[in-house]
Amino acid sequence: MASFIAKNVSDADAEASFIAMMNGTSTEMVQANNGAATWLIEGYVPNKAAYNVAAKEKGFL
């Protein structure tokens, strides 16, 4: 899974953001929000708009 944190935040804010992302990302969360974004974790079912992103991640493109 790719996650990005801005460079211009404090170390404490970056650490808190990372912890929140890791704790908030799960298969259940993806299934509940499948259409909200292109997820690159287990449980995601790509929709038509996200097909190329998922195919690239899986090595098909």
C-alpha atoms as a PDB file:
ATOM      1  CA  MET A   1       0.000   0.000   0.000  1.00  0.00           C
ATOM      2  CA  ALA A   2       1.313   3.421  -0.880  1.00  0.00           C
ATOM      3  CA  SER A   3       0.805   6.199   1.640  1.00  0.00           C
ATOM      4  CA  PHE A   4       2.119   9.725   1.521  1.00  0.00           C
ATOM      5  CA  ILE A   5       2.713  12.294   4.255  1.00  0.00           C
ATOM      6  CA  ALA A   6       3.625  15.906   3.511  1.00  0.00           C
ATOM      7  CA  LYS A   7       7.258  16.883   3.997  1.00  0.00           C
ATOM      8  CA  ASN A   8       6.412  20.135   5.798  1.00  0.00           C
ATOM      9  CA  VAL A   9       4.903  18.598   8.947  1.00  0.00           C
ATOM     10  CA  SER A  10       6.619  17.964  12.243  1.00  0.00           C
ATOM     11  CA  ASP A  11       7.998  14.538  13.045  1.00  0.00           C
ATOM     12  CA  ALA A  12       5.307  14.133  15.703  1.00  0.00           C
ATOM     13  CA  ASP A  13       2.536  14.975  13.222  1.00  0.00           C
ATOM     14  CA  ALA A  14       4.039  12.644  10.603  1.00  0.00           C
ATOM     15  CA  GLU A  15       4.207   9.800  13.125  1.00  0.00           C
ATOM     16  CA  ALA A  16       0.624  10.400  14.273  1.00  0.00           C
ATOM     17  CA  SER A  17      -0.573  10.479  10.651  1.00  0.00           C
ATOM     18  CA  PHE A  18       1.224   7.231   9.850  1.00  0.00           C
ATOM     19  CA  ILE A  19      -0.238   5.476  12.901  1.00  0.00           C
ATOM     20  CA  ALA A  20      -3.737   6.706  12.014  1.00  0.00           C
ATOM     21  CA  MET A  21      -3.371   5.455   8.428  1.00  0.00           C
ATOM     22  CA  MET A  22      -2.152   2.033   9.521  1.00  0.00           C
ATOM     23  CA  ASN A  23      -4.884   1.638  12.128  1.00  0.00           C
ATOM     24  CA  GLY A  24      -7.616   2.900   9.815  1.00  0.00           C
ATOM     25  CA  THR A  25      -6.772   0.787   6.781  1.00  0.00           C
ATOM     26  CA  SER A  26      -8.333  -2.653   6.702  1.00  0.00           C
ATOM     27  CA  THR A  27     -10.118  -4.995   4.351  1.00  0.00           C
ATOM     28  CA  GLU A  28     -13.393  -4.118   6.081  1.00  0.00           C
ATOM     29  CA  MET A  29     -12.801  -0.372   5.595  1.00  0.00           C
ATOM     30  CA  VAL A  30     -12.075  -0.910   1.895  1.00  0.00           C
ATOM     31  CA  GLN A  31     -15.184  -3.016   1.398  1.00  0.00           C
ATOM     32  CA  ALA A  32     -17.299  -0.358   3.119  1.00  0.00           C
ATOM     33  CA  ASN A  33     -15.753   2.432   0.991  1.00  0.00           C
ATOM     34  CA  ASN A  34     -14.880   0.575  -2.205  1.00  0.00           C
ATOM     35  CA  GLY A  35     -16.023   3.336  -4.565  1.00  0.00           C
ATOM     36  CA  ALA A  36     -14.494   6.232  -2.614  1.00  0.00           C
ATOM     37  CA  ALA A  37     -10.946   5.784  -3.916  1.00  0.00           C
ATOM     38  CA  THR A  38      -8.600   3.457  -5.734  1.00  0.00           C
ATOM     39  CA  TRP A  39      -7.384   1.199  -2.951  1.00  0.00           C
ATOM     40  CA  LEU A  40      -4.268  -0.917  -3.405  1.00  0.00           C
ATOM     41  CA  ILE A  41      -4.906  -3.366  -0.607  1.00  0.00           C
ATOM     42  CA  GLU A  42      -6.624  -6.713  -0.226  1.00  0.00           C
ATOM     43  CA  GLY A  43     -10.391  -6.557  -0.476  1.00  0.00           C
ATOM     44  CA  TYR A  44     -10.576  -3.836  -3.126  1.00  0.00           C
ATOM     45  CA  VAL A  45     -12.736  -4.561  -6.162  1.00  0.00           C
ATOM     46  CA  PRO A  46     -11.680  -2.160  -8.944  1.00  0.00           C
ATOM     47  CA  ASN A  47     -14.435  -0.222 -10.645  1.00  0.00           C
ATOM     48  CA  LYS A  48     -14.231   0.834 -14.284  1.00  0.00           C
ATOM     49  CA  ALA A  49     -12.516   4.159 -13.488  1.00  0.00           C
ATOM     50  CA  ALA A  50      -9.836   2.474 -11.379  1.00  0.00           C
ATOM     51  CA  TYR A  51      -9.076  -0.479 -13.647  1.00  0.00           C
ATOM     52  CA  ASN A  52      -5.790   0.880 -15.032  1.00  0.00           C
ATOM     53  CA  VAL A  53      -4.458   1.828 -11.603  1.00  0.00           C
ATOM     54  CA  ALA A  54      -5.182  -1.637 -10.220  1.00  0.00           C
ATOM     55  CA  ALA A  55      -3.841  -3.356 -13.351  1.00  0.00           C
ATOM     56  CA  LYS A  56      -0.591  -1.385 -13.099  1.00  0.00           C
ATOM     57  CA  GLU A  57      -0.175  -2.321  -9.420  1.00  0.00           C
ATOM     58  CA  LYS A  58      -0.796  -5.981 -10.189  1.00  0.00           C
ATOM     59  CA  GLY A  59       1.753  -5.865 -13.038  1.00  0.00           C
ATOM     60  CA  PHE A  60      -0.726  -6.259 -15.899  1.00  0.00           C
ATOM     61  CA  LEU A  61       0.276  -2.976 -17.610  1.00  0.00           C
END
